[in-house]
Structures are given as structure tokens and as C-alpha cells.
Amino acid sequence: PSTSPRRCSPPPVPPACVDAMILRRILYGLTLVWVLLFHITNENYLAQFLLCLCVALPLLSLALSLPGMLGCRLELSSLPPALERGADGRWQASIKTPNGLPLSRLTIHLRCKNLLNGQRDHRRLVLSGVARRRPVELTVSTDHCGLLELQVDRARVYDYLGLFSLRVARPQPARMLCRPIPVPVELPTLPEAQGARPSPVSAARSGPGEDYELREYRPGDPMRSVHWKLSSKWDQLIVRERADTVTPLPLLSADRFGPPEELDKLLDNLTGMSRALLGVQRPHAVLWLDAGGEPQLHSIADEREYAECLLA
């Protein structure tokens, strides 16, 4: 079995690859015409045998290839799922066939896209003699930060003679996170009074504390929050609601638009500052505008929230 990964830009695709099945059909048509002429001019057993063989061979090839063609499945994965910019990564395409049936030929059109900066890369795989669970590894470009996504545009599997083909179902896309390289930074002096974050909802549910507000009772309010003294005085139920407390929260704002090189520098500095704040156990938040112009705010207090923010 041999693999021949071919790197090409979006259309046009090499004509030799596109016309392979057409060329086989033309050759088969010419062979069939020659056999028919031979049968007409020679009335013997050899001419009849060649005619029957030429007619039955494509049907036999399709019958033998069809179980493997119908059961062919593709799977895409990334190795590893996350890495730093510039590190070595691999895409992996696995081909599964029922009961280990081999496939004569398989063509796969792949598209890799960086969801952060929009860069695209198109590839075409031509696989011959494919067996069950035979993984194919492809290199991946990690020159720029972002979330890389590999998906199959179209895939076709051919019978043993290459005269017939079927479309293969597209698998789930594979993703790889190309992380920035944090730049060592020196934290500036952070004013303790600037920036705020409301207290978590769970704290409000635990009951009123020293700071609370008064309001009328609403169905569903816990009875322990009722201020009985004021309720008896005002002749209606009054509840105490915990007031939101604030804690210092530095805010890092980022502009995610620009060339890939500028985005790499921006993310290097942003993650460097975020890592430095986490190093001194200082919660903070990151604010940016998404592709639609909507503001996105993510709070970061630990490694898990840092990873979620970086992925977003």
C-alpha cells in the first residue's frame, strides 16, 4: 500500500488526478469495442470467452468492492490536541473498513483553517491499497496562534478496476489549539480600588450578611430572608437581599483584529500578563470584540478558567 499526500491550492486540481476514472472508462470502452469487433469477425470459443469476460469483469469488480466501499468510514484526529506555536504537530486520518476488507483507491479533499486569523490550506490525499485502521499522518503548520480545524470537503472510494466510485460520509472535524508563547512581563503597580467583580450567586443564596438591601417579598424567596420586625411594622412581607460585594479585578483588553504576525505578538503579551497575574494569585478579566463586534468578557481566577479563555 502506498500513500501520496499532495499539497495543492484550491482549484484547479491537477488534471491527471481529476481524469483518472474517466481515462479508465475510456480504456475499458476501447477494449470492449475491440472485443466486439473480434467477436464479429471470429466466430469461435475464444471470441465468445473474451466478450463474456469483458462484460462480466466490471460487474465482478463492483460486486467484490461494494461491501468495503459501503462500509468505508473516516476519522480525523490531532496529535497533540494542544501545543505551543512553532511546535511539531500532526493530523491523523484513520480509514475503517468492515471485516478488514481492502480498498483499491481512496481520494480525500481536506481543508485546514485557522479560526482566529482565517488562514486556509487545501490538501488532496490519494490512497491506494487501503487496509482497515490504517492511519495516515499529515504535517500541520503551527507558525501562527489560533484554533486549527481540519475537515473533509469530499471523499470518494473506487472499485478495484477504478470504473465506479461512491461518496464517503464526511467525518467530524479535528481541532488543534496552537497556543501563544507567554512573554515574561513585569507587573505594574495595580490600584486596589479599581476594577470590580460581583460576588458569586452561591453567596447570595446562603442568606443575608452584613450588607443587604430591603425589598418586597416575591414567591420563591426563602423564609429565612424575611425581615420579620419590618414586616410586622409595614404590614407586608419584607425580605433582606444580600448586596453584591466587589473585589479588585484588573481588566486586560485586547484587539483580536490584524495580520497573523500582530495577533501572535498580541497574544504573547496578553498571555504573559495573564500568567504573571495568576502567579501572584490575582484574579483578572480579559475583554475583546468577537468577529461580529460583540464584546466578550472572561474572568480568570485559576488555570481552568485561563485555558477556557484562551480557547474562546
C-alpha atoms as a PDB file:
ATOM      1  CA  PRO A   1       0.000   0.000   0.000  1.00  0.00           C
ATOM      2  CA  SER A   2       1.172   3.488  -0.800  1.00  0.00           C
ATOM      3  CA  THR A   3       0.079   6.982   0.153  1.00  0.00           C
ATOM      4  CA  SER A   4       0.701  10.070  -1.878  1.00  0.00           C
ATOM      5  CA  PRO A   5      -0.360  13.194   0.037  1.00  0.00           C
ATOM      6  CA  ARG A   6      -0.429  16.096  -2.383  1.00  0.00           C
ATOM      7  CA  ARG A   7      -0.342  19.705  -1.356  1.00  0.00           C
ATOM      8  CA  CYS A   8      -2.247  21.977  -3.699  1.00  0.00           C
ATOM      9  CA  SER A   9      -4.058  25.256  -3.659  1.00  0.00           C
ATOM     10  CA  PRO A  10      -7.819  25.422  -4.124  1.00  0.00           C
ATOM     11  CA  PRO A  11      -8.957  24.857  -7.656  1.00  0.00           C
ATOM     12  CA  PRO A  12      -7.636  23.960 -10.070  1.00  0.00           C
ATOM     13  CA  VAL A  13      -6.790  20.376  -9.034  1.00  0.00           C
ATOM     14  CA  PRO A  14      -4.189  18.568 -11.193  1.00  0.00           C
ATOM     15  CA  PRO A  15      -5.952  17.306 -14.373  1.00  0.00           C
ATOM     16  CA  ALA A  16      -4.288  13.876 -14.104  1.00  0.00           C
ATOM     17  CA  CYS A  17      -5.958  13.346 -10.727  1.00  0.00           C
ATOM     18  CA  VAL A  18      -9.365  14.562 -11.918  1.00  0.00           C
ATOM     19  CA  ASP A  19      -9.443  12.493 -15.136  1.00  0.00           C
ATOM     20  CA  ALA A  20      -8.104   9.198 -13.691  1.00  0.00           C
ATOM     21  CA  MET A  21     -11.507   7.487 -13.599  1.00  0.00           C
ATOM     22  CA  ILE A  22     -12.521   8.981 -16.985  1.00  0.00           C
ATOM     23  CA  LEU A  23      -9.319   7.650 -18.523  1.00  0.00           C
ATOM     24  CA  ARG A  24     -10.003   4.167 -17.138  1.00  0.00           C
ATOM     25  CA  ARG A  25     -13.515   4.231 -18.553  1.00  0.00           C
ATOM     26  CA  ILE A  26     -12.215   5.305 -21.955  1.00  0.00           C
ATOM     27  CA  LEU A  27      -9.692   2.454 -21.940  1.00  0.00           C
ATOM     28  CA  TYR A  28     -12.387  -0.009 -20.940  1.00  0.00           C
ATOM     29  CA  GLY A  29     -14.677   1.310 -23.690  1.00  0.00           C
ATOM     30  CA  LEU A  30     -11.949   0.891 -26.308  1.00  0.00           C
ATOM     31  CA  THR A  31     -11.234  -2.628 -25.037  1.00  0.00           C
ATOM     32  CA  LEU A  32     -14.923  -3.525 -25.244  1.00  0.00           C
ATOM     33  CA  VAL A  33     -15.150  -2.192 -28.818  1.00  0.00           C
ATOM     34  CA  TRP A  34     -12.086  -4.231 -29.830  1.00  0.00           C
ATOM     35  CA  VAL A  35     -13.550  -7.390 -28.264  1.00  0.00           C
ATOM     36  CA  LEU A  36     -16.865  -6.819 -30.063  1.00  0.00           C
ATOM     37  CA  LEU A  37     -15.089  -6.416 -33.412  1.00  0.00           C
ATOM     38  CA  PHE A  38     -13.028  -9.537 -32.693  1.00  0.00           C
ATOM     39  CA  HIS A  39     -16.240 -11.459 -31.855  1.00  0.00           C
ATOM     40  CA  ILE A  40     -17.921 -10.320 -35.078  1.00  0.00           C
ATOM     41  CA  THR A  41     -15.008 -11.309 -37.288  1.00  0.00           C
ATOM     42  CA  ASN A  42     -14.154 -14.543 -35.472  1.00  0.00           C
ATOM     43  CA  GLU A  43     -16.907 -16.995 -34.577  1.00  0.00           C
ATOM     44  CA  ASN A  44     -15.004 -19.204 -32.152  1.00  0.00           C
ATOM     45  CA  TYR A  45     -14.935 -20.020 -28.456  1.00  0.00           C
ATOM     46  CA  LEU A  46     -12.076 -17.592 -27.746  1.00  0.00           C
ATOM     47  CA  ALA A  47     -14.063 -14.613 -29.091  1.00  0.00           C
ATOM     48  CA  GLN A  48     -17.107 -15.599 -27.023  1.00  0.00           C
ATOM     49  CA  PHE A  49     -14.973 -16.093 -23.927  1.00  0.00           C
ATOM     50  CA  LEU A  50     -13.310 -12.677 -24.316  1.00  0.00           C
ATOM     51  CA  LEU A  51     -16.684 -10.962 -24.800  1.00  0.00           C
ATOM     52  CA  CYS A  52     -18.191 -12.607 -21.718  1.00  0.00           C
ATOM     53  CA  LEU A  53     -15.084 -11.808 -19.698  1.00  0.00           C
ATOM     54  CA  CYS A  54     -15.044  -8.146 -20.800  1.00  0.00           C
ATOM     55  CA  VAL A  55     -18.717  -7.694 -19.896  1.00  0.00           C
ATOM     56  CA  ALA A  56     -18.591  -9.581 -16.589  1.00  0.00           C
ATOM     57  CA  LEU A  57     -15.301  -8.194 -15.274  1.00  0.00           C
ATOM     58  CA  PRO A  58     -16.623  -4.700 -14.262  1.00  0.00           C
ATOM     59  CA  LEU A  59     -19.666  -6.271 -12.603  1.00  0.00           C
ATOM     60  CA  LEU A  60     -17.473  -8.751 -10.725  1.00  0.00           C
ATOM     61  CA  SER A  61     -15.137  -5.950  -9.638  1.00  0.00           C
ATOM     62  CA  LEU A  62     -18.072  -3.890  -8.365  1.00  0.00           C
ATOM     63  CA  ALA A  63     -19.569  -6.871  -6.507  1.00  0.00           C
ATOM     64  CA  LEU A  64     -16.267  -7.618  -4.758  1.00  0.00           C
ATOM     65  CA  SER A  65     -15.562  -3.953  -3.941  1.00  0.00           C
ATOM     66  CA  LEU A  66     -19.064  -2.897  -2.863  1.00  0.00           C
ATOM     67  CA  PRO A  67     -19.004  -4.260   0.755  1.00  0.00           C
ATOM     68  CA  GLY A  68     -15.806  -2.388   1.526  1.00  0.00           C
ATOM     69  CA  MET A  69     -16.949   0.732  -0.332  1.00  0.00           C
ATOM     70  CA  LEU A  70     -20.270   0.921   1.527  1.00  0.00           C
ATOM     71  CA  GLY A  71     -18.648   0.342   4.935  1.00  0.00           C
ATOM     72  CA  CYS A  72     -15.756   2.768   4.499  1.00  0.00           C
ATOM     73  CA  ARG A  73     -15.552   5.347   7.320  1.00  0.00           C
ATOM     74  CA  LEU A  74     -13.104   8.167   8.008  1.00  0.00           C
ATOM     75  CA  GLU A  75     -11.915   9.602  11.332  1.00  0.00           C
ATOM     76  CA  LEU A  76      -9.823  12.737  11.864  1.00  0.00           C
ATOM     77  CA  SER A  77      -7.741  13.466  14.959  1.00  0.00           C
ATOM     78  CA  SER A  78      -4.940  15.764  16.083  1.00  0.00           C
ATOM     79  CA  LEU A  79      -1.648  14.827  17.725  1.00  0.00           C
ATOM     80  CA  PRO A  80      -1.412  16.508  20.163  1.00  0.00           C
ATOM     81  CA  PRO A  81      -4.728  18.364  20.669  1.00  0.00           C
ATOM     82  CA  ALA A  82      -2.878  21.438  22.021  1.00  0.00           C
ATOM     83  CA  LEU A  83       0.673  22.743  21.574  1.00  0.00           C
ATOM     84  CA  GLU A  84       2.688  25.960  21.585  1.00  0.00           C
ATOM     85  CA  ARG A  85       3.291  27.979  18.449  1.00  0.00           C
ATOM     86  CA  GLY A  86       6.123  26.535  16.377  1.00  0.00           C
ATOM     87  CA  ALA A  87       5.986  23.041  17.928  1.00  0.00           C
ATOM     88  CA  ASP A  88       5.657  19.887  15.819  1.00  0.00           C
ATOM     89  CA  GLY A  89       2.097  18.631  15.365  1.00  0.00           C
ATOM     90  CA  ARG A  90       0.397  16.027  13.209  1.00  0.00           C
ATOM     91  CA  TRP A  91      -3.035  15.470  11.750  1.00  0.00           C
ATOM     92  CA  GLN A  92      -4.095  11.836  11.613  1.00  0.00           C
ATOM     93  CA  ALA A  93      -6.679  10.336   9.232  1.00  0.00           C
ATOM     94  CA  SER A  94      -7.891   6.816  10.033  1.00  0.00           C
ATOM     95  CA  ILE A  95      -9.724   4.675   7.476  1.00  0.00           C
ATOM     96  CA  LYS A  96     -12.042   1.934   8.740  1.00  0.00           C
ATOM     97  CA  THR A  97     -13.486  -0.849   6.592  1.00  0.00           C
ATOM     98  CA  PRO A  98     -15.781  -3.726   7.668  1.00  0.00           C
ATOM     99  CA  ASN A  99     -14.029  -7.003   8.450  1.00  0.00           C
ATOM    100  CA  GLY A 100     -10.709  -5.672   7.229  1.00  0.00           C
ATOM    101  CA  LEU A 101     -11.764  -5.548   3.566  1.00  0.00           C
ATOM    102  CA  PRO A 102      -9.129  -3.709   1.498  1.00  0.00           C
ATOM    103  CA  LEU A 103      -9.964  -0.735  -0.706  1.00  0.00           C
ATOM    104  CA  SER A 104      -8.430  -0.216  -4.108  1.00  0.00           C
ATOM    105  CA  ARG A 105      -8.299   3.574  -4.106  1.00  0.00           C
ATOM    106  CA  LEU A 106      -9.491   6.439  -1.941  1.00  0.00           C
ATOM    107  CA  THR A 107      -9.291  10.177  -2.631  1.00  0.00           C
ATOM    108  CA  ILE A 108      -9.801  12.730   0.160  1.00  0.00           C
ATOM    109  CA  HIS A 109     -10.009  16.513  -0.215  1.00  0.00           C
ATOM    110  CA  LEU A 110      -9.025  18.211   3.063  1.00  0.00           C
ATOM    111  CA  ARG A 111      -9.287  21.809   4.225  1.00  0.00           C
ATOM    112  CA  CYS A 112      -7.385  23.197   7.208  1.00  0.00           C
ATOM    113  CA  LYS A 113      -8.475  26.568   8.599  1.00  0.00           C
ATOM    114  CA  ASN A 114      -7.183  28.785  11.388  1.00  0.00           C
ATOM    115  CA  LEU A 115     -10.352  30.014  13.122  1.00  0.00           C
ATOM    116  CA  LEU A 116      -8.516  33.013  14.587  1.00  0.00           C
ATOM    117  CA  ASN A 117      -6.874  34.633  11.547  1.00  0.00           C
ATOM    118  CA  GLY A 118      -8.783  32.895   8.728  1.00  0.00           C
ATOM    119  CA  GLN A 119      -5.768  31.274   7.022  1.00  0.00           C
ATOM    120  CA  ARG A 120      -6.652  28.234   4.878  1.00  0.00           C
ATOM    121  CA  ASP A 121      -4.739  25.291   3.490  1.00  0.00           C
ATOM    122  CA  HIS A 122      -6.107  22.743   0.988  1.00  0.00           C
ATOM    123  CA  ARG A 123      -4.733  19.246   0.520  1.00  0.00           C
ATOM    124  CA  ARG A 124      -5.605  16.197  -1.547  1.00  0.00           C
ATOM    125  CA  LEU A 125      -4.820  12.640  -0.488  1.00  0.00           C
ATOM    126  CA  VAL A 126      -4.713   9.739  -2.933  1.00  0.00           C
ATOM    127  CA  LEU A 127      -4.507   6.419  -1.049  1.00  0.00           C
ATOM    128  CA  SER A 128      -4.016   3.051  -2.751  1.00  0.00           C
ATOM    129  CA  GLY A 129      -4.406  -0.405  -1.239  1.00  0.00           C
ATOM    130  CA  VAL A 130      -6.078   0.891   1.931  1.00  0.00           C
ATOM    131  CA  ALA A 131      -6.496  -1.670   4.722  1.00  0.00           C
ATOM    132  CA  ARG A 132      -8.505  -1.452   7.930  1.00  0.00           C
ATOM    133  CA  ARG A 133      -7.482   1.141  10.544  1.00  0.00           C
ATOM    134  CA  ARG A 134      -4.558   2.366   8.537  1.00  0.00           C
ATOM    135  CA  PRO A 135      -3.708   5.833   9.934  1.00  0.00           C
ATOM    136  CA  VAL A 136      -2.242   8.467   7.655  1.00  0.00           C
ATOM    137  CA  GLU A 137      -0.265  11.302   9.261  1.00  0.00           C
ATOM    138  CA  LEU A 138      -0.049  14.799   7.806  1.00  0.00           C
ATOM    139  CA  THR A 139       2.106  17.708   8.890  1.00  0.00           C
ATOM    140  CA  VAL A 140       0.399  20.792  10.274  1.00  0.00           C
ATOM    141  CA  SER A 141       1.615  24.375  10.109  1.00  0.00           C
ATOM    142  CA  THR A 142       1.929  25.897  13.602  1.00  0.00           C
ATOM    143  CA  ASP A 143       3.559  29.172  12.561  1.00  0.00           C
ATOM    144  CA  HIS A 144       0.698  31.255  13.994  1.00  0.00           C
ATOM    145  CA  CYS A 145      -1.533  31.077  17.054  1.00  0.00           C
ATOM    146  CA  GLY A 146      -5.151  30.036  16.769  1.00  0.00           C
ATOM    147  CA  LEU A 147      -7.578  27.159  16.792  1.00  0.00           C
ATOM    148  CA  LEU A 148      -6.754  24.963  13.789  1.00  0.00           C
ATOM    149  CA  GLU A 149      -9.574  22.933  12.286  1.00  0.00           C
ATOM    150  CA  LEU A 150      -9.188  20.106   9.754  1.00  0.00           C
ATOM    151  CA  GLN A 151     -12.249  18.875   7.900  1.00  0.00           C
ATOM    152  CA  VAL A 152     -13.024  16.762   4.852  1.00  0.00           C
ATOM    153  CA  ASP A 153     -14.590  18.627   1.940  1.00  0.00           C
ATOM    154  CA  ARG A 154     -15.301  15.461  -0.033  1.00  0.00           C
ATOM    155  CA  ALA A 155     -14.041  11.895  -0.253  1.00  0.00           C
ATOM    156  CA  ARG A 156     -14.634   9.146  -2.801  1.00  0.00           C
ATOM    157  CA  VAL A 157     -13.807   5.439  -2.801  1.00  0.00           C
ATOM    158  CA  TYR A 158     -13.315   3.445  -6.025  1.00  0.00           C
ATOM    159  CA  ASP A 159     -13.819  -0.174  -7.023  1.00  0.00           C
ATOM    160  CA  TYR A 160     -10.896  -2.448  -7.930  1.00  0.00           C
ATOM    161  CA  LEU A 161     -10.960  -1.509 -11.623  1.00  0.00           C
ATOM    162  CA  GLY A 162     -11.467   2.192 -10.934  1.00  0.00           C
ATOM    163  CA  LEU A 163     -14.624   2.393 -13.094  1.00  0.00           C
ATOM    164  CA  PHE A 164     -17.127   3.172 -10.318  1.00  0.00           C
ATOM    165  CA  SER A 165     -16.949   5.389  -7.232  1.00  0.00           C
ATOM    166  CA  LEU A 166     -19.032   6.199  -4.153  1.00  0.00           C
ATOM    167  CA  ARG A 167     -19.013   9.252  -1.921  1.00  0.00           C
ATOM    168  CA  VAL A 168     -17.769   8.627   1.635  1.00  0.00           C
ATOM    169  CA  ALA A 169     -19.563  10.284   4.558  1.00  0.00           C
ATOM    170  CA  ARG A 170     -17.660  13.243   5.961  1.00  0.00           C
ATOM    171  CA  PRO A 171     -16.277  12.694   9.494  1.00  0.00           C
ATOM    172  CA  GLN A 172     -16.311  15.136  12.399  1.00  0.00           C
ATOM    173  CA  PRO A 173     -13.656  17.865  12.052  1.00  0.00           C
ATOM    174  CA  ALA A 174     -10.487  17.625  14.138  1.00  0.00           C
ATOM    175  CA  ARG A 175      -9.194  20.624  16.086  1.00  0.00           C
ATOM    176  CA  MET A 176      -5.801  21.597  17.410  1.00  0.00           C
ATOM    177  CA  LEU A 177      -5.114  24.561  19.707  1.00  0.00           C
ATOM    178  CA  CYS A 178      -1.926  26.414  18.818  1.00  0.00           C
ATOM    179  CA  ARG A 179      -1.156  28.366  21.990  1.00  0.00           C
ATOM    180  CA  PRO A 180       0.880  31.576  22.180  1.00  0.00           C
ATOM    181  CA  ILE A 181       4.241  31.726  23.912  1.00  0.00           C
ATOM    182  CA  PRO A 182       3.840  33.910  27.046  1.00  0.00           C
ATOM    183  CA  VAL A 183       6.275  36.819  27.169  1.00  0.00           C
ATOM    184  CA  PRO A 184       7.869  37.462  30.592  1.00  0.00           C
ATOM    185  CA  VAL A 185       6.467  40.767  31.847  1.00  0.00           C
ATOM    186  CA  GLU A 186       6.918  42.893  34.953  1.00  0.00           C
ATOM    187  CA  LEU A 187       3.621  43.656  36.599  1.00  0.00           C
ATOM    188  CA  PRO A 188       2.845  47.340  37.069  1.00  0.00           C
ATOM    189  CA  THR A 189       1.519  48.722  40.326  1.00  0.00           C
ATOM    190  CA  LEU A 190      -2.147  47.748  40.471  1.00  0.00           C
ATOM    191  CA  PRO A 191      -4.527  50.160  42.236  1.00  0.00           C
ATOM    192  CA  GLU A 192      -6.572  48.228  44.740  1.00  0.00           C
ATOM    193  CA  ALA A 193      -9.702  50.367  44.285  1.00  0.00           C
ATOM    194  CA  GLN A 194     -10.121  49.981  40.529  1.00  0.00           C
ATOM    195  CA  GLY A 195     -11.998  47.188  38.830  1.00  0.00           C
ATOM    196  CA  ALA A 196     -14.823  45.194  40.341  1.00  0.00           C
ATOM    197  CA  ARG A 197     -16.407  41.779  40.136  1.00  0.00           C
ATOM    198  CA  PRO A 198     -19.753  40.867  41.714  1.00  0.00           C
ATOM    199  CA  SER A 199     -19.842  38.153  44.319  1.00  0.00           C
ATOM    200  CA  PRO A 200     -20.900  34.705  43.093  1.00  0.00           C
ATOM    201  CA  VAL A 201     -24.585  33.788  43.036  1.00  0.00           C
ATOM    202  CA  SER A 202     -23.986  30.996  45.513  1.00  0.00           C
ATOM    203  CA  ALA A 203     -23.011  33.577  48.116  1.00  0.00           C
ATOM    204  CA  ALA A 204     -26.344  35.386  47.696  1.00  0.00           C
ATOM    205  CA  ARG A 205     -28.207  32.138  48.201  1.00  0.00           C
ATOM    206  CA  SER A 206     -26.514  31.454  51.519  1.00  0.00           C
ATOM    207  CA  GLY A 207     -28.559  34.157  53.171  1.00  0.00           C
ATOM    208  CA  PRO A 208     -28.147  37.851  54.050  1.00  0.00           C
ATOM    209  CA  GLY A 209     -24.897  39.027  55.553  1.00  0.00           C
ATOM    210  CA  GLU A 210     -23.837  42.343  56.982  1.00  0.00           C
ATOM    211  CA  ASP A 211     -24.519  44.220  53.716  1.00  0.00           C
ATOM    212  CA  TYR A 212     -28.040  43.729  52.427  1.00  0.00           C
ATOM    213  CA  GLU A 213     -30.909  45.531  50.718  1.00  0.00           C
ATOM    214  CA  LEU A 214     -34.617  45.513  51.540  1.00  0.00           C
ATOM    215  CA  ARG A 215     -37.369  44.719  49.057  1.00  0.00           C
ATOM    216  CA  GLU A 216     -40.857  43.245  48.928  1.00  0.00           C
ATOM    217  CA  TYR A 217     -41.346  39.517  49.197  1.00  0.00           C
ATOM    218  CA  ARG A 218     -41.556  37.583  45.926  1.00  0.00           C
ATOM    219  CA  PRO A 219     -42.779  33.986  45.568  1.00  0.00           C
ATOM    220  CA  GLY A 220     -39.850  31.620  45.899  1.00  0.00           C
ATOM    221  CA  ASP A 221     -37.854  33.721  48.378  1.00  0.00           C
ATOM    222  CA  PRO A 222     -36.570  31.686  51.361  1.00  0.00           C
ATOM    223  CA  MET A 223     -38.437  32.385  54.587  1.00  0.00           C
ATOM    224  CA  ARG A 224     -35.163  32.839  56.485  1.00  0.00           C
ATOM    225  CA  SER A 225     -34.581  36.013  54.445  1.00  0.00           C
ATOM    226  CA  VAL A 226     -37.796  37.637  55.711  1.00  0.00           C
ATOM    227  CA  HIS A 227     -37.243  40.665  57.964  1.00  0.00           C
ATOM    228  CA  TRP A 228     -40.000  39.920  60.477  1.00  0.00           C
ATOM    229  CA  LYS A 229     -39.624  43.091  62.503  1.00  0.00           C
ATOM    230  CA  LEU A 230     -40.080  45.402  59.497  1.00  0.00           C
ATOM    231  CA  SER A 231     -42.742  43.131  58.012  1.00  0.00           C
ATOM    232  CA  SER A 232     -44.909  43.469  61.138  1.00  0.00           C
ATOM    233  CA  LYS A 233     -44.318  47.211  61.172  1.00  0.00           C
ATOM    234  CA  TRP A 234     -45.201  47.754  57.488  1.00  0.00           C
ATOM    235  CA  ASP A 235     -47.918  45.096  57.423  1.00  0.00           C
ATOM    236  CA  GLN A 236     -46.324  43.279  54.456  1.00  0.00           C
ATOM    237  CA  LEU A 237     -43.525  40.794  53.968  1.00  0.00           C
ATOM    238  CA  ILE A 238     -40.107  42.394  53.553  1.00  0.00           C
ATOM    239  CA  VAL A 239     -37.041  40.324  52.702  1.00  0.00           C
ATOM    240  CA  ARG A 240     -33.358  41.045  53.067  1.00  0.00           C
ATOM    241  CA  GLU A 241     -31.305  40.514  49.918  1.00  0.00           C
ATOM    242  CA  ARG A 242     -27.539  40.289  50.070  1.00  0.00           C
ATOM    243  CA  ALA A 243     -25.872  43.226  48.360  1.00  0.00           C
ATOM    244  CA  ASP A 244     -23.273  42.397  45.729  1.00  0.00           C
ATOM    245  CA  THR A 245     -19.793  42.793  47.080  1.00  0.00           C
ATOM    246  CA  VAL A 246     -16.887  43.875  44.941  1.00  0.00           C
ATOM    247  CA  THR A 247     -13.291  42.769  44.788  1.00  0.00           C
ATOM    248  CA  PRO A 248     -10.419  44.338  42.853  1.00  0.00           C
ATOM    249  CA  LEU A 249     -10.315  42.901  39.312  1.00  0.00           C
ATOM    250  CA  PRO A 250      -7.738  44.123  36.755  1.00  0.00           C
ATOM    251  CA  LEU A 251      -9.085  44.164  33.200  1.00  0.00           C
ATOM    252  CA  LEU A 252      -6.947  43.264  30.168  1.00  0.00           C
ATOM    253  CA  SER A 253      -8.386  44.453  26.851  1.00  0.00           C
ATOM    254  CA  ALA A 254      -7.240  43.011  23.520  1.00  0.00           C
ATOM    255  CA  ASP A 255      -7.857  43.803  19.856  1.00  0.00           C
ATOM    256  CA  ARG A 256      -8.108  40.475  18.017  1.00  0.00           C
ATOM    257  CA  PHE A 257      -8.076  42.006  14.521  1.00  0.00           C
ATOM    258  CA  GLY A 258      -4.974  42.390  12.366  1.00  0.00           C
ATOM    259  CA  PRO A 259      -2.359  40.358  10.451  1.00  0.00           C
ATOM    260  CA  PRO A 260      -1.338  36.973  11.913  1.00  0.00           C
ATOM    261  CA  GLU A 261       2.068  38.306  12.978  1.00  0.00           C
ATOM    262  CA  GLU A 262       0.482  41.125  15.011  1.00  0.00           C
ATOM    263  CA  LEU A 263      -2.025  38.727  16.566  1.00  0.00           C
ATOM    264  CA  ASP A 264       0.825  36.449  17.641  1.00  0.00           C
ATOM    265  CA  LYS A 265       2.622  39.327  19.411  1.00  0.00           C
ATOM    266  CA  LEU A 266      -0.635  40.497  20.979  1.00  0.00           C
ATOM    267  CA  LEU A 267      -1.458  37.043  22.360  1.00  0.00           C
ATOM    268  CA  ASP A 268       2.111  36.534  23.578  1.00  0.00           C
ATOM    269  CA  ASN A 269       1.909  39.747  25.612  1.00  0.00           C
ATOM    270  CA  LEU A 270      -1.659  39.076  26.762  1.00  0.00           C
ATOM    271  CA  THR A 271      -0.926  35.561  27.995  1.00  0.00           C
ATOM    272  CA  GLY A 272       2.316  36.756  29.563  1.00  0.00           C
ATOM    273  CA  MET A 273       0.420  39.366  31.587  1.00  0.00           C
ATOM    274  CA  SER A 274      -2.305  36.861  32.488  1.00  0.00           C
ATOM    275  CA  ARG A 275       0.236  34.274  33.643  1.00  0.00           C
ATOM    276  CA  ALA A 276       2.021  36.919  35.708  1.00  0.00           C
ATOM    277  CA  LEU A 277      -1.245  37.888  37.422  1.00  0.00           C
ATOM    278  CA  LEU A 278      -2.042  34.252  38.162  1.00  0.00           C
ATOM    279  CA  GLY A 279       1.489  33.877  39.520  1.00  0.00           C
ATOM    280  CA  VAL A 280       0.703  36.420  42.260  1.00  0.00           C
ATOM    281  CA  GLN A 281      -2.783  34.905  42.753  1.00  0.00           C
ATOM    282  CA  ARG A 282      -4.546  37.943  41.316  1.00  0.00           C
ATOM    283  CA  PRO A 283      -7.878  37.227  39.573  1.00  0.00           C
ATOM    284  CA  HIS A 284      -8.462  39.327  36.465  1.00  0.00           C
ATOM    285  CA  ALA A 285     -10.591  39.502  33.316  1.00  0.00           C
ATOM    286  CA  VAL A 286      -9.973  39.691  29.573  1.00  0.00           C
ATOM    287  CA  LEU A 287     -12.163  41.774  27.255  1.00  0.00           C
ATOM    288  CA  TRP A 288     -12.221  41.712  23.450  1.00  0.00           C
ATOM    289  CA  LEU A 289     -14.600  42.086  20.499  1.00  0.00           C
ATOM    290  CA  ASP A 290     -15.527  38.973  18.532  1.00  0.00           C
ATOM    291  CA  ALA A 291     -15.831  38.762  14.743  1.00  0.00           C
ATOM    292  CA  GLY A 292     -19.363  40.197  14.927  1.00  0.00           C
ATOM    293  CA  GLY A 293     -18.280  43.193  17.025  1.00  0.00           C
ATOM    294  CA  GLU A 294     -19.850  41.870  20.243  1.00  0.00           C
ATOM    295  CA  PRO A 295     -17.856  42.323  23.474  1.00  0.00           C
ATOM    296  CA  GLN A 296     -16.650  39.139  25.158  1.00  0.00           C
ATOM    297  CA  LEU A 297     -15.646  39.212  28.834  1.00  0.00           C
ATOM    298  CA  HIS A 298     -13.971  36.242  30.536  1.00  0.00           C
ATOM    299  CA  SER A 299     -12.933  36.177  34.178  1.00  0.00           C
ATOM    300  CA  ILE A 300      -9.759  34.278  35.054  1.00  0.00           C
ATOM    301  CA  ALA A 301      -9.055  33.079  38.581  1.00  0.00           C
ATOM    302  CA  ASP A 302      -7.299  29.721  38.008  1.00  0.00           C
ATOM    303  CA  GLU A 303      -5.696  27.530  35.357  1.00  0.00           C
ATOM    304  CA  ARG A 304      -9.008  26.083  34.179  1.00  0.00           C
ATOM    305  CA  GLU A 305     -10.521  29.498  33.509  1.00  0.00           C
ATOM    306  CA  TYR A 306      -7.278  30.559  31.844  1.00  0.00           C
ATOM    307  CA  ALA A 307      -7.494  27.607  29.426  1.00  0.00           C
ATOM    308  CA  GLU A 308     -11.175  28.316  28.710  1.00  0.00           C
ATOM    309  CA  CYS A 309     -10.463  31.983  27.999  1.00  0.00           C
ATOM    310  CA  LEU A 310      -7.562  31.116  25.702  1.00  0.00           C
ATOM    311  CA  LEU A 311      -9.742  28.669  23.772  1.00  0.00           C
ATOM    312  CA  ALA A 312     -12.505  31.268  23.420  1.00  0.00           C
END
